[in-house]
Every structure is written in C-alpha cells, then in structure tokens.
Amino acid sequence: LNDLTHFIFIHADTFGAAPNSIDHTFLDHPVEYQERNGITGCYRIIDDTALVPLDLSPEQQAEVGDRKLRNWNGGISHGPGIWLGENFVYVEDPAPEFTDCYKTYINHFVTPEKHNTCHYWYSITNEYADPNPEVEAFMKQFLGVAFGEDVIAVKHMQNVLEDDTTDYKEININGDKSAVLFRRKTLEWVLEEYPDLAKSQSS
C-alpha cells in the first residue's frame, strides 16, 4: 500500500479498466512525501488532465465546470497494517455555493489473526455525497473485487516469506521510498518497546 505503483499491475482489471483508467502514465505524475506525526506518507499529484474530472460524478463535474482541478492521491501507514488513504480533488476558485475540495478516504486495516494469517478490512467514505443505495451497492461489488486483488497480493507476500529461500540482495527504486521509510519507523517502534534488543544491536 505504501507503493502506489502497484495500482497499474495488481488492479489492471478493476481500477485500470474503469473510466478514469490508471495506466502506466500514472507513474509519470510527480510524487510528494509528507510527514505526519513522524511518519512519512506518499502522494501522487495529478494536475488538470482528462483523468481528474472522471473522479467526480456527472453532477460534480457540472459544479466545477471548466475550473482547474488537482488530484491528491495517496496515503500513509499510521501503524503496521493500518493505511489511511486520501483521494482529494481540489477545485481552483470554486463557485461560492460549492466546495473547494471533494474528499474521499480509502482506509485499509490488515489485522493479524495468527502468526501467518490475517484479516483484510477496508472502508471508503467521503465528505460530499448523500447516501445512495444504488451507488453503495455498486461500490460494494466493485471494491470487493478490487480489494480482493490486494488480498491475493498479501497472500503471495506471505508465501514468499515462508517458502522462498532464494539468496538475493534487495534493490530499492524511487517508488519504494515511503515503504523503506515506514520500515525504519517500524524498527524505531520495536526498539522503543524492546530496549534490550536495542542494546544488543548497539553492542
């Protein structure tokens, strides 16, 4: 989840097939890293392209008209297994009666069950749409499939941890930055909780 480039690979048949299709050009948008409470998150900034308005409903597209839009898309891991995502569409100089930002929150909670199993929970909320049973039913079905793809990825990672004995040297690229920073933060937490381990590492 810290590596947003997974969208174009893992979700090629869901988010990648949607009208606001995420394809390889997603990698070309600038990335910003923002720190909150000592933890760094990763956000892709998509300026006013043909894709940004498609994150809005037809009614919202009518509200913004031809105003300049910017999409802020990303999130931050607030703890192991807790990823809080944001998909914000900012509107430059909105009409007085309309919002300057359409905010959607995409949250993932990977909750341990046993040593090598977990539950995968998620939630989607927004600040701008009234409840609509038809939209909710569609989103439940669509997102169930999309996040099921994340479950496949998590299972594969678990299999690699358990079964892959390949000797390798890890190579990180730019897209790995937020994941590496979060791993370092997790290690800080571990050493704070187990000070004896910290002493053994320093000796």
C-alpha atoms as a PDB file:
ATOM      1  CA  LEU A   1       0.000   0.000   0.000  1.00  0.00           C
ATOM      2  CA  ASN A   2       2.955   2.304   0.541  1.00  0.00           C
ATOM      3  CA  ASP A   3       3.956   1.641  -3.069  1.00  0.00           C
ATOM      4  CA  LEU A   4       1.280   3.317  -5.209  1.00  0.00           C
ATOM      5  CA  THR A   5       2.762   1.894  -8.401  1.00  0.00           C
ATOM      6  CA  HIS A   6       1.003  -1.372  -7.523  1.00  0.00           C
ATOM      7  CA  PHE A   7      -2.198   0.122  -8.969  1.00  0.00           C
ATOM      8  CA  ILE A   8      -1.224  -0.422 -12.579  1.00  0.00           C
ATOM      9  CA  PHE A   9      -0.203  -4.032 -12.003  1.00  0.00           C
ATOM     10  CA  ILE A  10      -2.421  -5.523  -9.305  1.00  0.00           C
ATOM     11  CA  HIS A  11      -5.548  -3.556 -10.249  1.00  0.00           C
ATOM     12  CA  ALA A  12      -5.268  -3.676 -14.040  1.00  0.00           C
ATOM     13  CA  ASP A  13      -8.640  -5.438 -14.336  1.00  0.00           C
ATOM     14  CA  THR A  14     -10.524  -3.169 -11.903  1.00  0.00           C
ATOM     15  CA  PHE A  15      -9.281   0.372 -11.346  1.00  0.00           C
ATOM     16  CA  GLY A  16      -7.285   0.043 -14.573  1.00  0.00           C
ATOM     17  CA  ALA A  17     -10.439  -0.833 -16.506  1.00  0.00           C
ATOM     18  CA  ALA A  18     -12.532   1.992 -15.007  1.00  0.00           C
ATOM     19  CA  PRO A  19     -13.441   5.136 -16.999  1.00  0.00           C
ATOM     20  CA  ASN A  20     -10.723   7.078 -15.145  1.00  0.00           C
ATOM     21  CA  SER A  21      -8.297   4.328 -16.067  1.00  0.00           C
ATOM     22  CA  ILE A  22      -4.995   4.156 -14.190  1.00  0.00           C
ATOM     23  CA  ASP A  23      -2.338   3.058 -16.660  1.00  0.00           C
ATOM     24  CA  HIS A  24       1.452   3.376 -16.938  1.00  0.00           C
ATOM     25  CA  THR A  25       1.142   7.185 -17.247  1.00  0.00           C
ATOM     26  CA  PHE A  26       0.225   7.139 -13.536  1.00  0.00           C
ATOM     27  CA  LEU A  27       3.955   6.683 -12.907  1.00  0.00           C
ATOM     28  CA  ASP A  28       4.771   9.960 -14.660  1.00  0.00           C
ATOM     29  CA  HIS A  29       2.916  12.187 -12.198  1.00  0.00           C
ATOM     30  CA  PRO A  30       5.027  13.933  -9.537  1.00  0.00           C
ATOM     31  CA  VAL A  31       5.231  12.369  -6.091  1.00  0.00           C
ATOM     32  CA  GLU A  32       5.264  14.233  -2.787  1.00  0.00           C
ATOM     33  CA  TYR A  33       6.266  12.825   0.583  1.00  0.00           C
ATOM     34  CA  GLN A  34       4.525  14.374   3.569  1.00  0.00           C
ATOM     35  CA  GLU A  35       5.351  13.693   7.201  1.00  0.00           C
ATOM     36  CA  ARG A  36       2.623  13.432   9.836  1.00  0.00           C
ATOM     37  CA  ASN A  37       3.382  12.610  13.456  1.00  0.00           C
ATOM     38  CA  GLY A  38       6.840  11.495  12.465  1.00  0.00           C
ATOM     39  CA  ILE A  39       5.646   9.106   9.739  1.00  0.00           C
ATOM     40  CA  THR A  40       6.129   9.760   6.020  1.00  0.00           C
ATOM     41  CA  GLY A  41       3.342   9.171   3.502  1.00  0.00           C
ATOM     42  CA  CYS A  42       3.426   9.071  -0.277  1.00  0.00           C
ATOM     43  CA  TYR A  43       1.093  11.075  -2.530  1.00  0.00           C
ATOM     44  CA  ARG A  44       0.813  11.345  -6.300  1.00  0.00           C
ATOM     45  CA  ILE A  45      -0.180  14.769  -7.623  1.00  0.00           C
ATOM     46  CA  ILE A  46      -2.280  14.725 -10.794  1.00  0.00           C
ATOM     47  CA  ASP A  47      -2.964  18.150 -12.263  1.00  0.00           C
ATOM     48  CA  ASP A  48      -5.812  19.114 -14.539  1.00  0.00           C
ATOM     49  CA  THR A  49      -5.715  16.297 -17.066  1.00  0.00           C
ATOM     50  CA  ALA A  50      -8.541  14.434 -18.730  1.00  0.00           C
ATOM     51  CA  LEU A  51      -8.439  11.932 -15.848  1.00  0.00           C
ATOM     52  CA  VAL A  52      -9.118  14.189 -12.861  1.00  0.00           C
ATOM     53  CA  PRO A  53     -12.752  15.155 -13.663  1.00  0.00           C
ATOM     54  CA  LEU A  54     -13.602  11.467 -14.056  1.00  0.00           C
ATOM     55  CA  ASP A  55     -13.059  11.015 -10.311  1.00  0.00           C
ATOM     56  CA  LEU A  56     -16.237  13.097  -9.904  1.00  0.00           C
ATOM     57  CA  SER A  57     -19.864  12.271 -10.621  1.00  0.00           C
ATOM     58  CA  PRO A  58     -21.633  13.976 -13.554  1.00  0.00           C
ATOM     59  CA  GLU A  59     -23.316  16.310 -11.049  1.00  0.00           C
ATOM     60  CA  GLN A  60     -19.990  17.289  -9.513  1.00  0.00           C
ATOM     61  CA  GLN A  61     -18.428  17.752 -12.942  1.00  0.00           C
ATOM     62  CA  ALA A  62     -21.226  20.207 -13.692  1.00  0.00           C
ATOM     63  CA  GLU A  63     -20.464  22.010 -10.413  1.00  0.00           C
ATOM     64  CA  VAL A  64     -16.775  22.514 -11.216  1.00  0.00           C
ATOM     65  CA  GLY A  65     -17.301  23.315 -14.911  1.00  0.00           C
ATOM     66  CA  ASP A  66     -14.003  24.161 -16.606  1.00  0.00           C
ATOM     67  CA  ARG A  67     -12.187  25.161 -13.415  1.00  0.00           C
ATOM     68  CA  LYS A  68      -8.661  23.885 -12.855  1.00  0.00           C
ATOM     69  CA  LEU A  69      -8.534  20.669 -10.822  1.00  0.00           C
ATOM     70  CA  ARG A  70      -5.791  18.880  -8.931  1.00  0.00           C
ATOM     71  CA  ASN A  71      -5.934  15.314  -7.633  1.00  0.00           C
ATOM     72  CA  TRP A  72      -4.067  14.433  -4.426  1.00  0.00           C
ATOM     73  CA  ASN A  73      -3.916  10.649  -4.274  1.00  0.00           C
ATOM     74  CA  GLY A  74      -2.058   8.595  -1.710  1.00  0.00           C
ATOM     75  CA  GLY A  75      -1.844   7.805   1.954  1.00  0.00           C
ATOM     76  CA  ILE A  76       0.193   6.969   4.983  1.00  0.00           C
ATOM     77  CA  SER A  77       0.734   3.928   7.225  1.00  0.00           C
ATOM     78  CA  HIS A  78      -0.107   5.007  10.767  1.00  0.00           C
ATOM     79  CA  GLY A  79       0.928   1.640  12.139  1.00  0.00           C
ATOM     80  CA  PRO A  80       1.679  -1.878  10.939  1.00  0.00           C
ATOM     81  CA  GLY A  81      -1.391  -2.916   8.976  1.00  0.00           C
ATOM     82  CA  ILE A  82      -3.131   0.471   9.215  1.00  0.00           C
ATOM     83  CA  TRP A  83      -3.039   2.503   5.995  1.00  0.00           C
ATOM     84  CA  LEU A  84      -5.164   5.639   5.714  1.00  0.00           C
ATOM     85  CA  GLY A  85      -5.607   6.751   2.129  1.00  0.00           C
ATOM     86  CA  GLU A  86      -6.816  10.005   0.623  1.00  0.00           C
ATOM     87  CA  ASN A  87      -8.163  10.779  -2.824  1.00  0.00           C
ATOM     88  CA  PHE A  88      -8.813  14.533  -2.825  1.00  0.00           C
ATOM     89  CA  VAL A  89      -9.910  16.553  -5.849  1.00  0.00           C
ATOM     90  CA  TYR A  90      -9.146  20.246  -5.293  1.00  0.00           C
ATOM     91  CA  VAL A  91     -11.064  22.891  -7.222  1.00  0.00           C
ATOM     92  CA  GLU A  92      -9.414  26.207  -8.028  1.00  0.00           C
ATOM     93  CA  ASP A  93     -11.687  29.202  -7.363  1.00  0.00           C
ATOM     94  CA  PRO A  94     -14.941  27.252  -6.868  1.00  0.00           C
ATOM     95  CA  ALA A  95     -18.358  28.845  -7.166  1.00  0.00           C
ATOM     96  CA  PRO A  96     -19.434  30.338  -3.791  1.00  0.00           C
ATOM     97  CA  GLU A  97     -22.020  27.653  -3.061  1.00  0.00           C
ATOM     98  CA  PHE A  98     -19.744  24.694  -3.843  1.00  0.00           C
ATOM     99  CA  THR A  99     -16.806  23.035  -2.076  1.00  0.00           C
ATOM    100  CA  ASP A 100     -13.164  23.667  -2.928  1.00  0.00           C
ATOM    101  CA  CYS A 101     -12.277  20.002  -2.354  1.00  0.00           C
ATOM    102  CA  TYR A 102     -14.058  16.685  -2.881  1.00  0.00           C
ATOM    103  CA  LYS A 103     -12.556  14.387  -0.253  1.00  0.00           C
ATOM    104  CA  THR A 104     -12.635  10.604  -0.340  1.00  0.00           C
ATOM    105  CA  TYR A 105     -10.946   8.422   2.285  1.00  0.00           C
ATOM    106  CA  ILE A 106      -9.775   4.891   1.471  1.00  0.00           C
ATOM    107  CA  ASN A 107      -8.663   3.001   4.573  1.00  0.00           C
ATOM    108  CA  HIS A 108      -7.094  -0.445   4.873  1.00  0.00           C
ATOM    109  CA  PHE A 109      -6.750  -2.455   8.088  1.00  0.00           C
ATOM    110  CA  VAL A 110      -4.696  -5.641   7.847  1.00  0.00           C
ATOM    111  CA  THR A 111      -5.362  -7.259  11.235  1.00  0.00           C
ATOM    112  CA  PRO A 112      -3.276 -10.225  12.461  1.00  0.00           C
ATOM    113  CA  GLU A 113      -5.140 -13.416  13.319  1.00  0.00           C
ATOM    114  CA  LYS A 114      -2.325 -15.944  13.771  1.00  0.00           C
ATOM    115  CA  HIS A 115       1.392 -15.933  13.070  1.00  0.00           C
ATOM    116  CA  ASN A 116       0.869 -16.277   9.322  1.00  0.00           C
ATOM    117  CA  THR A 117      -2.783 -15.272   8.753  1.00  0.00           C
ATOM    118  CA  CYS A 118      -4.691 -12.006   8.921  1.00  0.00           C
ATOM    119  CA  HIS A 119      -7.990 -10.311   8.199  1.00  0.00           C
ATOM    120  CA  TYR A 120      -8.161  -7.656   5.485  1.00  0.00           C
ATOM    121  CA  TRP A 121     -10.648  -4.887   6.289  1.00  0.00           C
ATOM    122  CA  TYR A 122     -11.270  -1.707   4.319  1.00  0.00           C
ATOM    123  CA  SER A 123     -13.577   1.283   4.311  1.00  0.00           C
ATOM    124  CA  ILE A 124     -14.472   4.015   1.808  1.00  0.00           C
ATOM    125  CA  THR A 125     -16.025   7.289   2.927  1.00  0.00           C
ATOM    126  CA  ASN A 126     -16.421  10.772   1.514  1.00  0.00           C
ATOM    127  CA  GLU A 127     -17.460  14.231   2.634  1.00  0.00           C
ATOM    128  CA  TYR A 128     -19.555  15.323  -0.328  1.00  0.00           C
ATOM    129  CA  ALA A 129     -22.141  12.735  -1.406  1.00  0.00           C
ATOM    130  CA  ASP A 130     -25.530  11.991   0.128  1.00  0.00           C
ATOM    131  CA  PRO A 131     -26.277   8.302   0.810  1.00  0.00           C
ATOM    132  CA  ASN A 132     -27.462   6.495  -2.314  1.00  0.00           C
ATOM    133  CA  PRO A 133     -28.361   2.776  -2.050  1.00  0.00           C
ATOM    134  CA  GLU A 134     -27.726   2.117  -5.754  1.00  0.00           C
ATOM    135  CA  VAL A 135     -24.281   3.721  -5.669  1.00  0.00           C
ATOM    136  CA  GLU A 136     -23.459   1.936  -2.424  1.00  0.00           C
ATOM    137  CA  ALA A 137     -24.429  -1.444  -3.895  1.00  0.00           C
ATOM    138  CA  PHE A 138     -22.293  -0.841  -6.988  1.00  0.00           C
ATOM    139  CA  MET A 139     -19.301   0.348  -4.955  1.00  0.00           C
ATOM    140  CA  LYS A 140     -19.582  -2.620  -2.595  1.00  0.00           C
ATOM    141  CA  GLN A 141     -19.466  -5.059  -5.509  1.00  0.00           C
ATOM    142  CA  PHE A 142     -16.729  -3.215  -7.428  1.00  0.00           C
ATOM    143  CA  LEU A 143     -14.486  -2.541  -4.443  1.00  0.00           C
ATOM    144  CA  GLY A 144     -14.949  -6.085  -3.166  1.00  0.00           C
ATOM    145  CA  VAL A 145     -13.362  -7.326  -6.384  1.00  0.00           C
ATOM    146  CA  ALA A 146     -10.654  -4.630  -6.409  1.00  0.00           C
ATOM    147  CA  PHE A 147      -9.566  -5.149  -2.821  1.00  0.00           C
ATOM    148  CA  GLY A 148      -9.762  -8.881  -3.379  1.00  0.00           C
ATOM    149  CA  GLU A 149      -6.788  -8.277  -5.681  1.00  0.00           C
ATOM    150  CA  ASP A 150      -4.934  -6.796  -2.698  1.00  0.00           C
ATOM    151  CA  VAL A 151      -5.745  -9.955  -0.738  1.00  0.00           C
ATOM    152  CA  ILE A 152      -4.110 -12.008  -3.493  1.00  0.00           C
ATOM    153  CA  ALA A 153      -1.009  -9.813  -3.198  1.00  0.00           C
ATOM    154  CA  VAL A 154      -0.881 -10.184   0.590  1.00  0.00           C
ATOM    155  CA  LYS A 155      -1.196 -13.976   0.308  1.00  0.00           C
ATOM    156  CA  HIS A 156       1.602 -14.040  -2.252  1.00  0.00           C
ATOM    157  CA  MET A 157       3.858 -11.974   0.024  1.00  0.00           C
ATOM    158  CA  GLN A 158       3.152 -14.379   2.880  1.00  0.00           C
ATOM    159  CA  ASN A 159       4.059 -17.334   0.650  1.00  0.00           C
ATOM    160  CA  VAL A 160       7.319 -15.624  -0.292  1.00  0.00           C
ATOM    161  CA  LEU A 161       8.150 -15.057   3.383  1.00  0.00           C
ATOM    162  CA  GLU A 162       7.507 -18.716   4.183  1.00  0.00           C
ATOM    163  CA  ASP A 163       8.776 -20.589   1.146  1.00  0.00           C
ATOM    164  CA  ASP A 164      11.247 -18.525  -0.910  1.00  0.00           C
ATOM    165  CA  THR A 165      14.812 -19.385   0.078  1.00  0.00           C
ATOM    166  CA  THR A 166      16.412 -17.524  -2.848  1.00  0.00           C
ATOM    167  CA  ASP A 167      19.574 -15.687  -1.859  1.00  0.00           C
ATOM    168  CA  TYR A 168      19.158 -12.094  -3.020  1.00  0.00           C
ATOM    169  CA  LYS A 169      20.286  -8.538  -2.492  1.00  0.00           C
ATOM    170  CA  GLU A 170      17.434  -6.075  -2.147  1.00  0.00           C
ATOM    171  CA  ILE A 171      17.407  -3.208  -4.656  1.00  0.00           C
ATOM    172  CA  ASN A 172      15.163  -0.217  -3.975  1.00  0.00           C
ATOM    173  CA  ILE A 173      13.926   2.287  -6.532  1.00  0.00           C
ATOM    174  CA  ASN A 174      12.207   5.682  -6.144  1.00  0.00           C
ATOM    175  CA  GLY A 175       8.769   4.088  -5.769  1.00  0.00           C
ATOM    176  CA  ASP A 176       9.994   2.222  -2.681  1.00  0.00           C
ATOM    177  CA  LYS A 177      10.866   5.359  -0.696  1.00  0.00           C
ATOM    178  CA  SER A 178       7.792   5.576   1.531  1.00  0.00           C
ATOM    179  CA  ALA A 179       7.849   1.817   2.213  1.00  0.00           C
ATOM    180  CA  VAL A 180      11.524   1.973   3.245  1.00  0.00           C
ATOM    181  CA  LEU A 181      10.876   4.996   5.480  1.00  0.00           C
ATOM    182  CA  PHE A 182       7.970   3.206   7.128  1.00  0.00           C
ATOM    183  CA  ARG A 183      10.044   0.102   7.743  1.00  0.00           C
ATOM    184  CA  ARG A 184      12.599   2.310   9.501  1.00  0.00           C
ATOM    185  CA  LYS A 185       9.816   3.847  11.606  1.00  0.00           C
ATOM    186  CA  THR A 186       8.544   0.359  12.496  1.00  0.00           C
ATOM    187  CA  LEU A 187      12.062  -0.619  13.611  1.00  0.00           C
ATOM    188  CA  GLU A 188      12.154   2.501  15.824  1.00  0.00           C
ATOM    189  CA  TRP A 189       8.918   1.387  17.480  1.00  0.00           C
ATOM    190  CA  VAL A 190      10.265  -2.137  18.016  1.00  0.00           C
ATOM    191  CA  LEU A 191      13.461  -0.840  19.620  1.00  0.00           C
ATOM    192  CA  GLU A 192      11.463   1.506  21.865  1.00  0.00           C
ATOM    193  CA  GLU A 193       9.269  -1.399  23.019  1.00  0.00           C
ATOM    194  CA  TYR A 194      12.194  -3.792  23.470  1.00  0.00           C
ATOM    195  CA  PRO A 195      15.102  -1.702  24.821  1.00  0.00           C
ATOM    196  CA  ASP A 196      17.191  -4.823  25.477  1.00  0.00           C
ATOM    197  CA  LEU A 197      17.097  -5.553  21.762  1.00  0.00           C
ATOM    198  CA  ALA A 198      18.308  -2.025  21.085  1.00  0.00           C
ATOM    199  CA  LYS A 199      21.242  -2.562  23.469  1.00  0.00           C
ATOM    200  CA  SER A 200      22.198  -5.845  21.804  1.00  0.00           C
ATOM    201  CA  GLN A 201      22.167  -4.173  18.383  1.00  0.00           C
ATOM    202  CA  SER A 202      24.447  -1.351  19.525  1.00  0.00           C
ATOM    203  CA  SER A 203      26.949  -3.667  21.257  1.00  0.00           C
END
